[in-house]
Amino acid sequence: QVQLVESGGGLVQPGGSLRLSCVASGNIYSVKTMGWYRQAPGLERALVATITSGGLTNYADSVKGRFTISRDNAMNTVYLQMNSLKPDDTAVYYCTADITPRPTYVSANYWGKGTLVTVSA
């Protein structure tokens, strides 16, 4: 059974940094695009950043220059380095990945349960 597990959330002061990690585990044949979304209180879930298996990245305008997405293909892990954090970055951060599992070889989009990031003095 495939699952995504996030870690690294917590409380940080404005201007601080956090690094989120997400590991995809289970009987996996391949992992294509991985990414991060976030959902702030009262708002819809929104894209933060994505990265393809080849390393091409895409960022929401609100995080460009502050956040960096990266991945370790051998470990099926995606990271989100978040710098210069602002109170508006407060949200639950969700990991997502396009995964082809064994033995079905039917690709699907999987989601983690989320990790809370709170930016506050």
N, C-alpha and C. Protein backbone atom coordinates (compact mmCIF):
# COMPACT_ATOMS: atom_id res chain seq x y z
N GLN A 1 0.84 -1.18 0.00
CA GLN A 1 0.00 0.00 0.00
C GLN A 1 0.89 1.24 0.00
N VAL A 2 0.64 2.12 -0.95
CA VAL A 2 1.45 3.32 -1.08
C VAL A 2 0.98 4.37 -0.09
N GLN A 3 1.93 5.04 0.54
CA GLN A 3 1.57 6.17 1.38
C GLN A 3 2.65 7.24 1.33
N LEU A 4 2.22 8.47 1.60
CA LEU A 4 3.12 9.61 1.69
C LEU A 4 3.08 10.12 3.12
N VAL A 5 4.24 10.34 3.70
CA VAL A 5 4.32 10.81 5.08
C VAL A 5 5.19 12.06 5.13
N GLU A 6 4.58 13.16 5.60
CA GLU A 6 5.30 14.42 5.72
C GLU A 6 5.89 14.56 7.12
N SER A 7 6.93 15.36 7.21
CA SER A 7 7.53 15.70 8.50
C SER A 7 8.21 17.06 8.38
N GLY A 8 8.50 17.66 9.53
CA GLY A 8 9.27 18.90 9.54
C GLY A 8 8.48 20.15 9.87
N GLY A 9 7.18 20.02 10.02
CA GLY A 9 6.40 21.20 10.36
C GLY A 9 6.63 21.63 11.80
N GLY A 10 6.10 22.80 12.13
CA GLY A 10 6.25 23.29 13.50
C GLY A 10 6.01 24.78 13.58
N LEU A 11 6.39 25.33 14.72
CA LEU A 11 6.24 26.76 14.98
C LEU A 11 7.57 27.46 14.71
N VAL A 12 7.51 28.54 13.96
CA VAL A 12 8.72 29.30 13.65
C VAL A 12 8.38 30.79 13.67
N GLN A 13 9.35 31.60 14.02
CA GLN A 13 9.14 33.05 14.05
C GLN A 13 9.22 33.63 12.64
N PRO A 14 8.56 34.74 12.40
CA PRO A 14 8.70 35.41 11.09
C PRO A 14 10.17 35.66 10.76
N GLY A 15 10.50 35.39 9.50
CA GLY A 15 11.88 35.50 9.06
C GLY A 15 12.68 34.22 9.21
N GLY A 16 12.12 33.25 9.89
CA GLY A 16 12.82 32.00 10.13
C GLY A 16 12.70 31.03 8.98
N SER A 17 13.24 29.82 9.20
CA SER A 17 13.28 28.80 8.16
C SER A 17 12.79 27.47 8.71
N LEU A 18 12.24 26.66 7.81
CA LEU A 18 11.87 25.28 8.10
C LEU A 18 12.13 24.44 6.86
N ARG A 19 12.39 23.16 7.07
CA ARG A 19 12.54 22.24 5.96
C ARG A 19 11.55 21.10 6.13
N LEU A 20 10.67 20.97 5.16
CA LEU A 20 9.70 19.87 5.16
C LEU A 20 10.24 18.72 4.33
N SER A 21 9.90 17.51 4.76
CA SER A 21 10.26 16.30 4.02
C SER A 21 9.01 15.46 3.81
N CYS A 22 9.02 14.69 2.73
CA CYS A 22 7.91 13.78 2.45
C CYS A 22 8.49 12.53 1.79
N VAL A 23 8.20 11.40 2.39
CA VAL A 23 8.68 10.12 1.87
C VAL A 23 7.52 9.31 1.32
N ALA A 24 7.68 8.83 0.11
CA ALA A 24 6.71 7.91 -0.48
C ALA A 24 7.19 6.48 -0.23
N SER A 25 6.31 5.66 0.35
CA SER A 25 6.71 4.29 0.67
C SER A 25 5.66 3.32 0.18
N GLY A 26 6.05 2.05 0.16
CA GLY A 26 5.15 1.00 -0.33
C GLY A 26 5.77 0.31 -1.53
N ASN A 27 4.94 -0.47 -2.22
CA ASN A 27 5.42 -1.22 -3.38
C ASN A 27 5.31 -0.31 -4.61
N ILE A 28 6.36 0.47 -4.84
CA ILE A 28 6.34 1.52 -5.86
C ILE A 28 7.16 1.12 -7.06
N TYR A 29 6.56 1.28 -8.24
CA TYR A 29 7.30 1.06 -9.49
C TYR A 29 8.00 2.35 -9.92
N SER A 30 7.27 3.47 -9.91
CA SER A 30 7.88 4.74 -10.31
C SER A 30 7.13 5.90 -9.66
N VAL A 31 7.86 7.01 -9.52
CA VAL A 31 7.29 8.25 -9.01
C VAL A 31 7.59 9.36 -9.99
N LYS A 32 6.58 10.01 -10.48
CA LYS A 32 6.79 11.11 -11.42
C LYS A 32 6.78 12.43 -10.66
N THR A 33 5.90 13.34 -11.03
CA THR A 33 5.90 14.64 -10.39
C THR A 33 5.55 14.54 -8.90
N MET A 34 6.31 15.25 -8.08
CA MET A 34 6.04 15.37 -6.65
C MET A 34 5.84 16.86 -6.34
N GLY A 35 5.13 17.13 -5.28
CA GLY A 35 4.91 18.54 -4.98
C GLY A 35 4.35 18.79 -3.60
N TRP A 36 4.19 20.07 -3.34
CA TRP A 36 3.63 20.54 -2.08
C TRP A 36 2.48 21.50 -2.35
N TYR A 37 1.42 21.31 -1.59
CA TYR A 37 0.29 22.23 -1.57
C TYR A 37 0.12 22.68 -0.12
N ARG A 38 -0.64 23.73 0.07
CA ARG A 38 -0.93 24.18 1.43
C ARG A 38 -2.36 24.68 1.52
N GLN A 39 -2.89 24.57 2.74
CA GLN A 39 -4.25 25.04 2.99
C GLN A 39 -4.25 25.85 4.28
N ALA A 40 -4.51 27.12 4.14
CA ALA A 40 -4.61 28.01 5.29
C ALA A 40 -6.04 28.00 5.82
N PRO A 41 -6.23 28.37 7.07
CA PRO A 41 -7.59 28.37 7.64
C PRO A 41 -8.54 29.22 6.80
N GLY A 42 -9.68 28.63 6.44
CA GLY A 42 -10.70 29.35 5.69
C GLY A 42 -10.44 29.47 4.20
N LEU A 43 -9.33 28.90 3.73
CA LEU A 43 -8.99 29.01 2.32
C LEU A 43 -8.93 27.64 1.67
N GLU A 44 -8.94 27.63 0.34
CA GLU A 44 -8.82 26.36 -0.38
C GLU A 44 -7.35 25.93 -0.46
N ARG A 45 -7.16 24.65 -0.69
CA ARG A 45 -5.82 24.13 -0.87
C ARG A 45 -5.21 24.74 -2.13
N ALA A 46 -3.94 25.16 -2.03
CA ALA A 46 -3.30 25.86 -3.13
C ALA A 46 -1.91 25.32 -3.38
N LEU A 47 -1.50 25.40 -4.64
CA LEU A 47 -0.17 24.95 -5.04
C LEU A 47 0.92 25.77 -4.36
N VAL A 48 1.95 25.09 -3.90
CA VAL A 48 3.16 25.76 -3.42
C VAL A 48 4.28 25.56 -4.43
N ALA A 49 4.59 24.30 -4.73
CA ALA A 49 5.67 24.01 -5.67
C ALA A 49 5.57 22.57 -6.13
N THR A 50 6.07 22.32 -7.35
CA THR A 50 6.16 20.96 -7.86
C THR A 50 7.52 20.74 -8.48
N ILE A 51 7.88 19.45 -8.60
CA ILE A 51 9.15 19.08 -9.22
C ILE A 51 8.96 17.77 -9.97
N THR A 52 9.43 17.74 -11.21
CA THR A 52 9.33 16.51 -12.00
C THR A 52 10.46 15.56 -11.64
N SER A 53 10.38 14.34 -12.14
CA SER A 53 11.44 13.38 -11.88
C SER A 53 12.76 13.82 -12.50
N GLY A 54 12.67 14.68 -13.50
CA GLY A 54 13.87 15.21 -14.13
C GLY A 54 14.40 16.48 -13.49
N GLY A 55 13.67 16.98 -12.49
CA GLY A 55 14.16 18.13 -11.76
C GLY A 55 13.59 19.47 -12.17
N LEU A 56 12.62 19.48 -13.08
CA LEU A 56 12.00 20.75 -13.47
C LEU A 56 11.06 21.20 -12.35
N THR A 57 11.15 22.47 -12.00
CA THR A 57 10.39 22.99 -10.86
C THR A 57 9.39 24.06 -11.29
N ASN A 58 8.37 24.20 -10.45
CA ASN A 58 7.35 25.22 -10.65
C ASN A 58 6.94 25.72 -9.27
N TYR A 59 6.81 27.05 -9.14
CA TYR A 59 6.50 27.64 -7.84
C TYR A 59 5.31 28.59 -7.94
N ALA A 60 4.55 28.68 -6.86
CA ALA A 60 3.55 29.73 -6.74
C ALA A 60 4.29 31.07 -6.62
N ASP A 61 3.70 32.11 -7.19
CA ASP A 61 4.35 33.43 -7.16
C ASP A 61 4.64 33.87 -5.73
N SER A 62 3.78 33.49 -4.81
CA SER A 62 3.91 33.96 -3.43
C SER A 62 5.13 33.40 -2.71
N VAL A 63 5.73 32.33 -3.25
CA VAL A 63 6.87 31.71 -2.55
C VAL A 63 8.16 31.77 -3.36
N LYS A 64 8.08 32.28 -4.59
CA LYS A 64 9.29 32.36 -5.43
C LYS A 64 10.36 33.17 -4.74
N GLY A 65 11.58 32.65 -4.76
CA GLY A 65 12.70 33.34 -4.14
C GLY A 65 12.86 33.05 -2.66
N ARG A 66 11.85 32.43 -2.05
CA ARG A 66 11.92 32.11 -0.62
C ARG A 66 11.92 30.59 -0.37
N PHE A 67 11.18 29.85 -1.17
CA PHE A 67 11.06 28.41 -1.00
C PHE A 67 11.83 27.69 -2.12
N THR A 68 12.39 26.54 -1.77
CA THR A 68 13.08 25.71 -2.76
C THR A 68 12.61 24.27 -2.61
N ILE A 69 12.14 23.71 -3.73
CA ILE A 69 11.73 22.31 -3.73
C ILE A 69 12.85 21.47 -4.33
N SER A 70 13.07 20.30 -3.77
CA SER A 70 14.09 19.38 -4.29
C SER A 70 13.63 17.96 -4.01
N ARG A 71 14.32 16.99 -4.60
CA ARG A 71 13.92 15.60 -4.38
C ARG A 71 15.11 14.68 -4.46
N ASP A 72 14.95 13.52 -3.85
CA ASP A 72 15.92 12.43 -3.93
C ASP A 72 15.19 11.27 -4.58
N ASN A 73 15.42 11.05 -5.85
CA ASN A 73 14.67 10.02 -6.57
C ASN A 73 14.93 8.62 -6.02
N ALA A 74 16.15 8.38 -5.59
CA ALA A 74 16.48 7.05 -5.07
C ALA A 74 15.72 6.74 -3.78
N MET A 75 15.40 7.80 -3.03
CA MET A 75 14.72 7.62 -1.75
C MET A 75 13.23 7.96 -1.84
N ASN A 76 12.75 8.28 -3.04
CA ASN A 76 11.34 8.67 -3.22
C ASN A 76 10.93 9.74 -2.22
N THR A 77 11.78 10.73 -2.08
CA THR A 77 11.58 11.78 -1.09
C THR A 77 11.60 13.15 -1.75
N VAL A 78 10.72 14.01 -1.30
CA VAL A 78 10.69 15.39 -1.76
C VAL A 78 10.84 16.30 -0.55
N TYR A 79 11.54 17.41 -0.77
CA TYR A 79 11.81 18.36 0.30
C TYR A 79 11.26 19.74 -0.08
N LEU A 80 10.98 20.53 0.93
CA LEU A 80 10.62 21.93 0.72
C LEU A 80 11.39 22.76 1.74
N GLN A 81 12.40 23.48 1.26
CA GLN A 81 13.14 24.39 2.11
C GLN A 81 12.43 25.73 2.09
N MET A 82 12.02 26.19 3.26
CA MET A 82 11.25 27.43 3.36
C MET A 82 12.05 28.45 4.16
N ASN A 83 12.41 29.54 3.51
CA ASN A 83 13.17 30.61 4.15
C ASN A 83 12.34 31.88 4.19
N SER A 84 12.78 32.83 5.00
CA SER A 84 12.10 34.13 5.12
C SER A 84 10.60 33.95 5.31
N LEU A 85 10.25 33.09 6.22
CA LEU A 85 8.84 32.76 6.43
C LEU A 85 8.05 33.95 6.95
N LYS A 86 6.80 34.02 6.51
CA LYS A 86 5.89 35.10 6.88
C LYS A 86 4.66 34.51 7.57
N PRO A 87 3.97 35.30 8.36
CA PRO A 87 2.73 34.78 8.97
C PRO A 87 1.74 34.25 7.94
N ASP A 88 1.73 34.83 6.73
CA ASP A 88 0.82 34.35 5.68
C ASP A 88 1.18 32.95 5.19
N ASP A 89 2.35 32.45 5.53
CA ASP A 89 2.73 31.09 5.15
C ASP A 89 2.14 30.04 6.10
N THR A 90 1.50 30.50 7.16
CA THR A 90 0.88 29.57 8.10
C THR A 90 -0.20 28.75 7.41
N ALA A 91 -0.06 27.43 7.48
CA ALA A 91 -0.99 26.54 6.79
C ALA A 91 -0.64 25.10 7.11
N VAL A 92 -1.52 24.20 6.74
CA VAL A 92 -1.18 22.79 6.70
C VAL A 92 -0.58 22.51 5.31
N TYR A 93 0.59 21.94 5.30
CA TYR A 93 1.31 21.65 4.06
C TYR A 93 1.14 20.17 3.72
N TYR A 94 0.69 19.93 2.49
CA TYR A 94 0.43 18.58 2.02
C TYR A 94 1.41 18.20 0.92
N CYS A 95 1.90 16.98 1.00
CA CYS A 95 2.75 16.41 -0.04
C CYS A 95 1.86 15.65 -1.03
N THR A 96 2.23 15.70 -2.30
CA THR A 96 1.50 14.96 -3.32
C THR A 96 2.49 14.35 -4.30
N ALA A 97 2.12 13.24 -4.89
CA ALA A 97 3.00 12.59 -5.85
C ALA A 97 2.20 11.75 -6.83
N ASP A 98 2.66 11.72 -8.07
CA ASP A 98 2.08 10.84 -9.09
C ASP A 98 2.88 9.54 -9.07
N ILE A 99 2.23 8.47 -8.64
CA ILE A 99 2.92 7.21 -8.36
C ILE A 99 2.31 6.07 -9.16
N THR A 100 3.18 5.23 -9.69
CA THR A 100 2.76 3.98 -10.30
C THR A 100 3.15 2.85 -9.35
N PRO A 101 2.17 2.19 -8.75
CA PRO A 101 2.48 1.14 -7.79
C PRO A 101 2.53 -0.24 -8.45
N ARG A 102 3.19 -1.16 -7.80
CA ARG A 102 3.08 -2.56 -8.17
C ARG A 102 1.98 -3.19 -7.31
N PRO A 103 1.29 -4.23 -7.67
CA PRO A 103 1.42 -4.92 -8.95
C PRO A 103 0.45 -4.44 -10.02
N THR A 104 -0.33 -3.38 -9.68
CA THR A 104 -1.36 -2.94 -10.63
C THR A 104 -0.79 -2.15 -11.80
N TYR A 105 0.30 -1.39 -11.53
CA TYR A 105 0.87 -0.49 -12.53
C TYR A 105 -0.16 0.52 -13.05
N VAL A 106 -1.09 0.89 -12.19
CA VAL A 106 -2.08 1.91 -12.51
C VAL A 106 -1.67 3.19 -11.78
N SER A 107 -1.30 4.21 -12.53
CA SER A 107 -0.82 5.45 -11.94
C SER A 107 -1.96 6.23 -11.29
N ALA A 108 -1.62 6.88 -10.20
CA ALA A 108 -2.60 7.70 -9.50
C ALA A 108 -1.89 8.81 -8.75
N ASN A 109 -2.66 9.80 -8.35
CA ASN A 109 -2.15 10.91 -7.55
C ASN A 109 -2.41 10.62 -6.08
N TYR A 110 -1.35 10.62 -5.30
CA TYR A 110 -1.46 10.31 -3.87
C TYR A 110 -1.18 11.56 -3.05
N TRP A 111 -1.77 11.60 -1.83
CA TRP A 111 -1.61 12.73 -0.93
C TRP A 111 -1.21 12.25 0.46
N GLY A 112 -0.39 13.06 1.12
CA GLY A 112 -0.11 12.82 2.53
C GLY A 112 -1.19 13.42 3.39
N LYS A 113 -1.05 13.23 4.71
CA LYS A 113 -2.05 13.75 5.64
C LYS A 113 -1.78 15.18 6.07
N GLY A 114 -0.62 15.69 5.74
CA GLY A 114 -0.31 17.08 6.02
C GLY A 114 0.51 17.30 7.27
N THR A 115 1.23 18.42 7.27
CA THR A 115 2.00 18.83 8.44
C THR A 115 1.78 20.33 8.64
N LEU A 116 1.56 20.72 9.88
CA LEU A 116 1.20 22.10 10.18
C LEU A 116 2.44 22.97 10.32
N VAL A 117 2.42 24.09 9.61
CA VAL A 117 3.46 25.11 9.74
C VAL A 117 2.81 26.37 10.29
N THR A 118 3.31 26.86 11.41
CA THR A 118 2.78 28.06 12.02
C THR A 118 3.90 29.09 12.11
N VAL A 119 3.67 30.25 11.51
CA VAL A 119 4.65 31.33 11.54
C VAL A 119 4.09 32.45 12.42
N SER A 120 4.70 32.61 13.57
CA SER A 120 4.17 33.57 14.53
C SER A 120 5.26 33.98 15.51
N ALA A 121 5.16 35.23 15.94
CA ALA A 121 6.09 35.72 16.96
C ALA A 121 5.62 35.31 18.36
